[in-house]
Amino acid sequence: MEASKWDFTSFDGVKLKIHEMGQKDAGQANGQRTVILLHGLFSNADTNWIKFGQAALLVEAGFRVIMPDLRAHGESEAPHEESAYPHDVLVKDVLALIDHLDLSDYDLGGFSLGARTTAKLLPEIKPRKAVLAGMGLEGLSGWNRRQGFFLKAIELRDTAKRGDPHWMAIQFMKTQEVDTVAATHLLKSFSDMEPDIIRTIETPTLVVCGSEDRDNGDPEALAQLLPNGQYVVVPGTHMSSVTKPELGQEILKFLEA
């Protein structure tokens, strides 16, 4: 099952590549629904959602799945000007996409960076349901530590040796051909999300995380903080959980409930 692709011009003229699977009349009287899925840091829509069958599982159940390559990722533009990365720019991009699609009844989810972006959106918008995958409380409220880790990985990109704690992130960056200039600007655009704000999110939200994944902190603590949070464990680490069918199965089960 292949995805169609189309270009979207965001709020400031930067072009984003959108991957789409499923029927375009989803969300109409035939019962089909639209879900927007956001990928993780240094990844892209294909690697996170298409390659390992997560999107196809949702399409087979009747969903229309919209998956942008985030700014500075995948096939989307990665401008080098610092001005192209204002505060929480990914939030602005997704808001512009939702407005472009004229969506009023939809679901929203993301993995890792995509989960951070989803969480930051939830105080502003009201999807039917939301999914935060590969995310814990500290990944939202303690971003400075994670930001420092990834900025250091970029700095050590050509010098780190196997065994260095940044090694796996560096290898992933290389396989994904990440533009490090753009990535540095993007990393600096993110902001923390305070627990008091998280407590105001009323959207029913699934927090789903690998059994060996605490890269972004405690997922159970995050689910407990959300007024309508639900916590589910799937197999894997932060890197491997997105390759497991259980991730897609749990997302589908939650969205269909």
C-alpha atoms as a PDB file:
ATOM      1  CA  MET A   1       0.000   0.000   0.000  1.00  0.00           C
ATOM      2  CA  GLU A   2       1.614   3.233  -1.182  1.00  0.00           C
ATOM      3  CA  ALA A   3       1.082   6.763   0.033  1.00  0.00           C
ATOM      4  CA  SER A   4       0.290   9.659  -2.252  1.00  0.00           C
ATOM      5  CA  LYS A   5       2.349  12.823  -1.756  1.00  0.00           C
ATOM      6  CA  TRP A   6       1.534  16.484  -2.134  1.00  0.00           C
ATOM      7  CA  ASP A   7       3.150  19.796  -1.274  1.00  0.00           C
ATOM      8  CA  PHE A   8       1.766  22.140   1.350  1.00  0.00           C
ATOM      9  CA  THR A   9       2.896  25.738   1.719  1.00  0.00           C
ATOM     10  CA  SER A  10       2.937  26.592   5.416  1.00  0.00           C
ATOM     11  CA  PHE A  11       2.183  29.910   7.131  1.00  0.00           C
ATOM     12  CA  ASP A  12       5.524  31.475   6.171  1.00  0.00           C
ATOM     13  CA  GLY A  13       6.001  30.046   2.689  1.00  0.00           C
ATOM     14  CA  VAL A  14       8.088  27.004   3.641  1.00  0.00           C
ATOM     15  CA  LYS A  15       6.998  23.941   1.647  1.00  0.00           C
ATOM     16  CA  LEU A  16       6.210  20.732   3.506  1.00  0.00           C
ATOM     17  CA  LYS A  17       5.755  17.300   1.929  1.00  0.00           C
ATOM     18  CA  ILE A  18       2.517  15.606   2.978  1.00  0.00           C
ATOM     19  CA  HIS A  19       2.090  11.823   2.730  1.00  0.00           C
ATOM     20  CA  GLU A  20      -1.496  10.583   2.562  1.00  0.00           C
ATOM     21  CA  MET A  21      -3.113   7.155   2.672  1.00  0.00           C
ATOM     22  CA  GLY A  22      -6.810   6.239   2.655  1.00  0.00           C
ATOM     23  CA  GLN A  23      -9.927   7.775   1.212  1.00  0.00           C
ATOM     24  CA  LYS A  24     -10.182  11.536   0.810  1.00  0.00           C
ATOM     25  CA  ASP A  25     -13.849  11.462   1.825  1.00  0.00           C
ATOM     26  CA  ALA A  26     -12.908  10.057   5.241  1.00  0.00           C
ATOM     27  CA  GLY A  27     -14.842  11.652   8.047  1.00  0.00           C
ATOM     28  CA  GLN A  28     -18.074  11.826   6.044  1.00  0.00           C
ATOM     29  CA  ALA A  29     -21.253   9.824   6.523  1.00  0.00           C
ATOM     30  CA  ASN A  30     -19.573   6.566   5.548  1.00  0.00           C
ATOM     31  CA  GLY A  31     -17.944   6.474   8.981  1.00  0.00           C
ATOM     32  CA  GLN A  32     -14.360   6.952   7.842  1.00  0.00           C
ATOM     33  CA  ARG A  33     -12.170   9.240   9.936  1.00  0.00           C
ATOM     34  CA  THR A  34      -9.113  11.420   9.394  1.00  0.00           C
ATOM     35  CA  VAL A  35      -6.070  11.051  11.635  1.00  0.00           C
ATOM     36  CA  ILE A  36      -2.942  13.208  11.456  1.00  0.00           C
ATOM     37  CA  LEU A  37       0.269  11.458  12.524  1.00  0.00           C
ATOM     38  CA  LEU A  38       3.502  13.339  13.280  1.00  0.00           C
ATOM     39  CA  HIS A  39       6.889  11.600  13.167  1.00  0.00           C
ATOM     40  CA  GLY A  40       9.862  11.750  15.527  1.00  0.00           C
ATOM     41  CA  LEU A  41      13.048  13.816  15.584  1.00  0.00           C
ATOM     42  CA  PHE A  42      15.455  13.207  12.663  1.00  0.00           C
ATOM     43  CA  SER A  43      12.896  10.810  11.146  1.00  0.00           C
ATOM     44  CA  ASN A  44      10.152  11.264   8.537  1.00  0.00           C
ATOM     45  CA  ALA A  45       6.633  10.073   7.759  1.00  0.00           C
ATOM     46  CA  ASP A  46       7.808   7.056   5.784  1.00  0.00           C
ATOM     47  CA  THR A  47      10.223   5.750   8.431  1.00  0.00           C
ATOM     48  CA  ASN A  48       7.856   6.279  11.364  1.00  0.00           C
ATOM     49  CA  TRP A  49       4.424   5.467   9.992  1.00  0.00           C
ATOM     50  CA  ILE A  50       4.555   3.858   6.532  1.00  0.00           C
ATOM     51  CA  LYS A  51       7.580   1.545   6.341  1.00  0.00           C
ATOM     52  CA  PHE A  52       6.552  -0.738   9.208  1.00  0.00           C
ATOM     53  CA  GLY A  53       2.837  -0.820   8.437  1.00  0.00           C
ATOM     54  CA  GLN A  54       1.366   1.412  11.140  1.00  0.00           C
ATOM     55  CA  ALA A  55      -0.440   3.679   8.654  1.00  0.00           C
ATOM     56  CA  ALA A  56      -1.630   0.744   6.535  1.00  0.00           C
ATOM     57  CA  LEU A  57      -3.243  -0.833   9.605  1.00  0.00           C
ATOM     58  CA  LEU A  58      -5.252   2.338  10.191  1.00  0.00           C
ATOM     59  CA  VAL A  59      -6.216   2.613   6.517  1.00  0.00           C
ATOM     60  CA  GLU A  60      -7.450  -0.986   6.480  1.00  0.00           C
ATOM     61  CA  ALA A  61      -9.708  -0.067   9.411  1.00  0.00           C
ATOM     62  CA  GLY A  62     -11.179   2.819   7.413  1.00  0.00           C
ATOM     63  CA  PHE A  63      -9.030   5.798   8.366  1.00  0.00           C
ATOM     64  CA  ARG A  64      -7.646   8.498   6.113  1.00  0.00           C
ATOM     65  CA  VAL A  65      -4.089   9.068   7.393  1.00  0.00           C
ATOM     66  CA  ILE A  66      -2.307  12.400   6.878  1.00  0.00           C
ATOM     67  CA  MET A  67       1.446  12.356   7.633  1.00  0.00           C
ATOM     68  CA  PRO A  68       3.559  15.474   7.095  1.00  0.00           C
ATOM     69  CA  ASP A  69       7.319  15.439   6.865  1.00  0.00           C
ATOM     70  CA  LEU A  70       7.983  18.065   9.522  1.00  0.00           C
ATOM     71  CA  ARG A  71       9.988  21.194   8.717  1.00  0.00           C
ATOM     72  CA  ALA A  72      13.702  20.325   8.278  1.00  0.00           C
ATOM     73  CA  HIS A  73      12.858  16.615   7.937  1.00  0.00           C
ATOM     74  CA  GLY A  74      12.332  14.151   5.112  1.00  0.00           C
ATOM     75  CA  GLU A  75      11.254  15.707   1.831  1.00  0.00           C
ATOM     76  CA  SER A  76      10.150  18.994   3.389  1.00  0.00           C
ATOM     77  CA  GLU A  77      12.191  22.159   3.038  1.00  0.00           C
ATOM     78  CA  ALA A  78      14.978  22.792   5.535  1.00  0.00           C
ATOM     79  CA  PRO A  79      15.847  26.489   5.328  1.00  0.00           C
ATOM     80  CA  HIS A  80      19.114  27.601   6.920  1.00  0.00           C
ATOM     81  CA  GLU A  81      17.887  31.013   8.042  1.00  0.00           C
ATOM     82  CA  GLU A  82      17.291  31.237  11.786  1.00  0.00           C
ATOM     83  CA  SER A  83      14.215  33.362  11.079  1.00  0.00           C
ATOM     84  CA  ALA A  84      12.523  30.282   9.561  1.00  0.00           C
ATOM     85  CA  TYR A  85      12.372  28.686  13.032  1.00  0.00           C
ATOM     86  CA  PRO A  86      10.311  30.939  15.302  1.00  0.00           C
ATOM     87  CA  HIS A  87       9.148  29.801  18.735  1.00  0.00           C
ATOM     88  CA  ASP A  88       7.274  26.459  18.473  1.00  0.00           C
ATOM     89  CA  VAL A  89       7.349  26.593  14.677  1.00  0.00           C
ATOM     90  CA  LEU A  90       6.140  22.989  14.307  1.00  0.00           C
ATOM     91  CA  VAL A  91       2.981  23.854  16.209  1.00  0.00           C
ATOM     92  CA  LYS A  92       2.398  26.703  13.755  1.00  0.00           C
ATOM     93  CA  ASP A  93       2.971  24.348  10.802  1.00  0.00           C
ATOM     94  CA  VAL A  94       0.428  21.791  12.015  1.00  0.00           C
ATOM     95  CA  LEU A  95      -2.160  24.470  12.798  1.00  0.00           C
ATOM     96  CA  ALA A  96      -1.719  25.778   9.252  1.00  0.00           C
ATOM     97  CA  LEU A  97      -2.133  22.262   7.829  1.00  0.00           C
ATOM     98  CA  ILE A  98      -5.311  21.602   9.824  1.00  0.00           C
ATOM     99  CA  ASP A  99      -6.717  24.909   8.627  1.00  0.00           C
ATOM    100  CA  HIS A 100      -5.763  24.091   5.022  1.00  0.00           C
ATOM    101  CA  LEU A 101      -7.510  20.712   5.249  1.00  0.00           C
ATOM    102  CA  ASP A 102     -10.561  22.419   6.815  1.00  0.00           C
ATOM    103  CA  LEU A 103     -10.753  19.723   9.479  1.00  0.00           C
ATOM    104  CA  SER A 104     -13.171  19.968  12.379  1.00  0.00           C
ATOM    105  CA  ASP A 105     -13.547  16.298  13.343  1.00  0.00           C
ATOM    106  CA  TYR A 106     -10.259  14.399  13.371  1.00  0.00           C
ATOM    107  CA  ASP A 107      -7.736  12.552  15.536  1.00  0.00           C
ATOM    108  CA  LEU A 108      -4.139  13.634  16.133  1.00  0.00           C
ATOM    109  CA  GLY A 109      -1.055  11.744  17.255  1.00  0.00           C
ATOM    110  CA  GLY A 110       2.698  11.636  17.141  1.00  0.00           C
ATOM    111  CA  PHE A 111       5.825   9.793  18.155  1.00  0.00           C
ATOM    112  CA  SER A 112       8.600  11.442  20.219  1.00  0.00           C
ATOM    113  CA  LEU A 113       9.025  14.899  18.632  1.00  0.00           C
ATOM    114  CA  GLY A 114       5.639  14.345  17.024  1.00  0.00           C
ATOM    115  CA  ALA A 115       4.197  13.609  20.464  1.00  0.00           C
ATOM    116  CA  ARG A 116       5.762  16.798  21.860  1.00  0.00           C
ATOM    117  CA  THR A 117       4.199  18.757  19.023  1.00  0.00           C
ATOM    118  CA  THR A 118       0.830  17.056  19.552  1.00  0.00           C
ATOM    119  CA  ALA A 119       0.902  17.836  23.283  1.00  0.00           C
ATOM    120  CA  LYS A 120       1.762  21.480  22.605  1.00  0.00           C
ATOM    121  CA  LEU A 121      -1.207  21.687  20.216  1.00  0.00           C
ATOM    122  CA  LEU A 122      -3.802  20.205  22.565  1.00  0.00           C
ATOM    123  CA  PRO A 123      -4.387  23.340  24.676  1.00  0.00           C
ATOM    124  CA  GLU A 124      -5.181  25.181  21.411  1.00  0.00           C
ATOM    125  CA  ILE A 125      -7.232  22.668  19.410  1.00  0.00           C
ATOM    126  CA  LYS A 126      -9.802  19.975  20.147  1.00  0.00           C
ATOM    127  CA  PRO A 127      -9.265  16.759  18.188  1.00  0.00           C
ATOM    128  CA  ARG A 128     -11.595  13.898  19.042  1.00  0.00           C
ATOM    129  CA  LYS A 129      -8.711  11.826  20.448  1.00  0.00           C
ATOM    130  CA  ALA A 130      -4.933  12.228  20.743  1.00  0.00           C
ATOM    131  CA  VAL A 131      -1.972   9.842  20.877  1.00  0.00           C
ATOM    132  CA  LEU A 132       1.373  10.576  22.548  1.00  0.00           C
ATOM    133  CA  ALA A 133       3.800   7.772  21.613  1.00  0.00           C
ATOM    134  CA  GLY A 134       7.368   7.468  22.904  1.00  0.00           C
ATOM    135  CA  MET A 135       6.820  10.348  25.319  1.00  0.00           C
ATOM    136  CA  GLY A 136       7.119  10.811  29.071  1.00  0.00           C
ATOM    137  CA  LEU A 137       6.524  13.716  31.398  1.00  0.00           C
ATOM    138  CA  GLU A 138      10.132  14.909  31.388  1.00  0.00           C
ATOM    139  CA  GLY A 139      10.167  15.020  27.590  1.00  0.00           C
ATOM    140  CA  LEU A 140       7.577  17.782  27.794  1.00  0.00           C
ATOM    141  CA  SER A 141       8.491  19.638  30.964  1.00  0.00           C
ATOM    142  CA  GLY A 142      12.273  19.196  30.862  1.00  0.00           C
ATOM    143  CA  TRP A 143      13.154  19.877  27.246  1.00  0.00           C
ATOM    144  CA  ASN A 144      16.435  21.689  27.971  1.00  0.00           C
ATOM    145  CA  ARG A 145      18.145  18.415  28.928  1.00  0.00           C
ATOM    146  CA  ARG A 146      16.998  16.652  25.762  1.00  0.00           C
ATOM    147  CA  GLN A 147      17.820  19.676  23.626  1.00  0.00           C
ATOM    148  CA  GLY A 148      21.348  19.713  25.009  1.00  0.00           C
ATOM    149  CA  PHE A 149      21.743  16.012  24.237  1.00  0.00           C
ATOM    150  CA  PHE A 150      20.779  16.413  20.581  1.00  0.00           C
ATOM    151  CA  LEU A 151      22.778  19.595  20.074  1.00  0.00           C
ATOM    152  CA  LYS A 152      25.793  17.730  21.444  1.00  0.00           C
ATOM    153  CA  ALA A 153      25.091  14.842  19.065  1.00  0.00           C
ATOM    154  CA  ILE A 154      25.180  17.283  16.157  1.00  0.00           C
ATOM    155  CA  GLU A 155      28.434  18.756  17.456  1.00  0.00           C
ATOM    156  CA  LEU A 156      30.002  15.276  17.749  1.00  0.00           C
ATOM    157  CA  ARG A 157      28.575  14.009  14.452  1.00  0.00           C
ATOM    158  CA  ASP A 158      31.964  13.386  12.834  1.00  0.00           C
ATOM    159  CA  THR A 159      34.058  12.596  15.905  1.00  0.00           C
ATOM    160  CA  ALA A 160      32.035  10.404  18.293  1.00  0.00           C
ATOM    161  CA  LYS A 161      33.159   6.806  18.731  1.00  0.00           C
ATOM    162  CA  ARG A 162      31.072   3.688  19.310  1.00  0.00           C
ATOM    163  CA  GLY A 163      30.137   3.579  22.988  1.00  0.00           C
ATOM    164  CA  ASP A 164      29.550   7.319  23.216  1.00  0.00           C
ATOM    165  CA  PRO A 165      25.999   7.963  24.568  1.00  0.00           C
ATOM    166  CA  HIS A 166      25.296  10.050  21.452  1.00  0.00           C
ATOM    167  CA  TRP A 167      26.399   7.292  19.055  1.00  0.00           C
ATOM    168  CA  MET A 168      22.954   5.870  18.192  1.00  0.00           C
ATOM    169  CA  ALA A 169      21.428   9.313  17.621  1.00  0.00           C
ATOM    170  CA  ILE A 170      24.362  10.238  15.384  1.00  0.00           C
ATOM    171  CA  GLN A 171      24.033   7.073  13.310  1.00  0.00           C
ATOM    172  CA  PHE A 172      20.305   7.695  12.882  1.00  0.00           C
ATOM    173  CA  MET A 173      21.005  11.276  11.789  1.00  0.00           C
ATOM    174  CA  LYS A 174      23.430   9.989   9.186  1.00  0.00           C
ATOM    175  CA  THR A 175      21.065   7.357   7.786  1.00  0.00           C
ATOM    176  CA  GLN A 176      18.326   9.987   7.517  1.00  0.00           C
ATOM    177  CA  GLU A 177      20.713  12.531   5.929  1.00  0.00           C
ATOM    178  CA  VAL A 178      19.683  15.185   8.439  1.00  0.00           C
ATOM    179  CA  ASP A 179      20.597  18.775   7.578  1.00  0.00           C
ATOM    180  CA  THR A 180      22.394  19.695  10.791  1.00  0.00           C
ATOM    181  CA  VAL A 181      22.222  23.468  10.244  1.00  0.00           C
ATOM    182  CA  ALA A 182      18.444  23.351   9.920  1.00  0.00           C
ATOM    183  CA  ALA A 183      18.146  20.795  12.730  1.00  0.00           C
ATOM    184  CA  THR A 184      20.098  23.036  15.112  1.00  0.00           C
ATOM    185  CA  HIS A 185      17.756  25.960  14.456  1.00  0.00           C
ATOM    186  CA  LEU A 186      14.715  23.708  14.851  1.00  0.00           C
ATOM    187  CA  LEU A 187      15.886  22.223  18.161  1.00  0.00           C
ATOM    188  CA  LYS A 188      16.270  25.721  19.595  1.00  0.00           C
ATOM    189  CA  SER A 189      12.684  26.610  18.629  1.00  0.00           C
ATOM    190  CA  PHE A 190      11.103  24.117  21.067  1.00  0.00           C
ATOM    191  CA  SER A 191       9.856  25.130  24.499  1.00  0.00           C
ATOM    192  CA  ASP A 192       8.925  23.354  27.709  1.00  0.00           C
ATOM    193  CA  MET A 193       5.342  22.451  28.554  1.00  0.00           C
ATOM    194  CA  GLU A 194       4.587  23.050  32.206  1.00  0.00           C
ATOM    195  CA  PRO A 195       2.676  20.404  34.206  1.00  0.00           C
ATOM    196  CA  ASP A 196      -0.057  22.937  35.042  1.00  0.00           C
ATOM    197  CA  ILE A 197      -0.783  23.251  31.310  1.00  0.00           C
ATOM    198  CA  ILE A 198      -0.765  19.487  30.807  1.00  0.00           C
ATOM    199  CA  ARG A 199      -3.412  19.196  33.535  1.00  0.00           C
ATOM    200  CA  THR A 200      -5.766  21.363  31.467  1.00  0.00           C
ATOM    201  CA  ILE A 201      -5.823  19.018  28.447  1.00  0.00           C
ATOM    202  CA  GLU A 202      -9.269  17.405  28.358  1.00  0.00           C
ATOM    203  CA  THR A 203      -8.881  15.497  25.080  1.00  0.00           C
ATOM    204  CA  PRO A 204      -8.937  11.713  25.631  1.00  0.00           C
ATOM    205  CA  THR A 205      -5.248  10.858  25.199  1.00  0.00           C
ATOM    206  CA  LEU A 206      -3.358   7.601  24.797  1.00  0.00           C
ATOM    207  CA  VAL A 207       0.197   7.576  26.147  1.00  0.00           C
ATOM    208  CA  VAL A 208       1.889   4.556  24.553  1.00  0.00           C
ATOM    209  CA  CYS A 209       5.552   3.735  25.113  1.00  0.00           C
ATOM    210  CA  GLY A 210       8.030   0.903  24.622  1.00  0.00           C
ATOM    211  CA  SER A 211       8.682  -1.311  27.622  1.00  0.00           C
ATOM    212  CA  GLU A 212      12.380  -0.370  27.486  1.00  0.00           C
ATOM    213  CA  ASP A 213      11.857   3.268  26.505  1.00  0.00           C
ATOM    214  CA  ARG A 214      12.436   6.037  29.025  1.00  0.00           C
ATOM    215  CA  ASP A 215      14.295   8.361  26.655  1.00  0.00           C
ATOM    216  CA  ASN A 216      11.677  11.056  27.218  1.00  0.00           C
ATOM    217  CA  GLY A 217      11.026  10.328  30.872  1.00  0.00           C
ATOM    218  CA  ASP A 218       8.142   8.616  32.642  1.00  0.00           C
ATOM    219  CA  PRO A 219       5.150   7.876  30.374  1.00  0.00           C
ATOM    220  CA  GLU A 220       2.976   6.638  33.239  1.00  0.00           C
ATOM    221  CA  ALA A 221       3.458   9.926  35.116  1.00  0.00           C
ATOM    222  CA  LEU A 222       2.413  11.786  31.963  1.00  0.00           C
ATOM    223  CA  ALA A 223      -0.740   9.677  31.578  1.00  0.00           C
ATOM    224  CA  GLN A 224      -1.629  10.244  35.226  1.00  0.00           C
ATOM    225  CA  LEU A 225      -1.255  14.004  34.843  1.00  0.00           C
ATOM    226  CA  LEU A 226      -3.642  14.109  31.875  1.00  0.00           C
ATOM    227  CA  PRO A 227      -7.291  14.361  33.003  1.00  0.00           C
ATOM    228  CA  ASN A 228      -8.337  11.754  30.425  1.00  0.00           C
ATOM    229  CA  GLY A 229      -5.020   9.946  29.961  1.00  0.00           C
ATOM    230  CA  GLN A 230      -4.584   6.242  29.317  1.00  0.00           C
ATOM    231  CA  TYR A 231      -1.233   4.432  29.527  1.00  0.00           C
ATOM    232  CA  VAL A 232      -0.317   1.385  27.419  1.00  0.00           C
ATOM    233  CA  VAL A 233       2.991  -0.471  27.109  1.00  0.00           C
ATOM    234  CA  VAL A 234       4.237  -1.989  23.840  1.00  0.00           C
ATOM    235  CA  PRO A 235       7.440  -3.966  23.236  1.00  0.00           C
ATOM    236  CA  GLY A 236      10.721  -2.252  22.434  1.00  0.00           C
ATOM    237  CA  THR A 237      13.106   0.609  23.026  1.00  0.00           C
ATOM    238  CA  HIS A 238      12.670   4.169  21.797  1.00  0.00           C
ATOM    239  CA  MET A 239      14.246   3.211  18.477  1.00  0.00           C
ATOM    240  CA  SER A 240      12.570  -0.175  18.023  1.00  0.00           C
ATOM    241  CA  SER A 241       9.019   0.368  19.314  1.00  0.00           C
ATOM    242  CA  VAL A 242       7.981   2.150  16.094  1.00  0.00           C
ATOM    243  CA  THR A 243       8.863  -0.984  14.132  1.00  0.00           C
ATOM    244  CA  LYS A 244       6.547  -3.222  16.181  1.00  0.00           C
ATOM    245  CA  PRO A 245       3.010  -4.054  15.015  1.00  0.00           C
ATOM    246  CA  GLU A 246       1.802  -3.652  18.597  1.00  0.00           C
ATOM    247  CA  LEU A 247       2.243   0.125  18.342  1.00  0.00           C
ATOM    248  CA  GLY A 248      -0.185   0.431  15.452  1.00  0.00           C
ATOM    249  CA  GLN A 249      -2.553  -2.088  17.038  1.00  0.00           C
ATOM    250  CA  GLU A 250      -2.766  -0.117  20.293  1.00  0.00           C
ATOM    251  CA  ILE A 251      -3.278   3.166  18.450  1.00  0.00           C
ATOM    252  CA  LEU A 252      -6.063   1.617  16.360  1.00  0.00           C
ATOM    253  CA  LYS A 253      -7.724   0.052  19.407  1.00  0.00           C
ATOM    254  CA  PHE A 254      -7.742   3.428  21.167  1.00  0.00           C
ATOM    255  CA  LEU A 255      -9.054   5.394  18.182  1.00  0.00           C
ATOM    256  CA  GLU A 256     -11.826   2.861  17.501  1.00  0.00           C
ATOM    257  CA  ALA A 257     -13.001   2.640  21.123  1.00  0.00           C
END
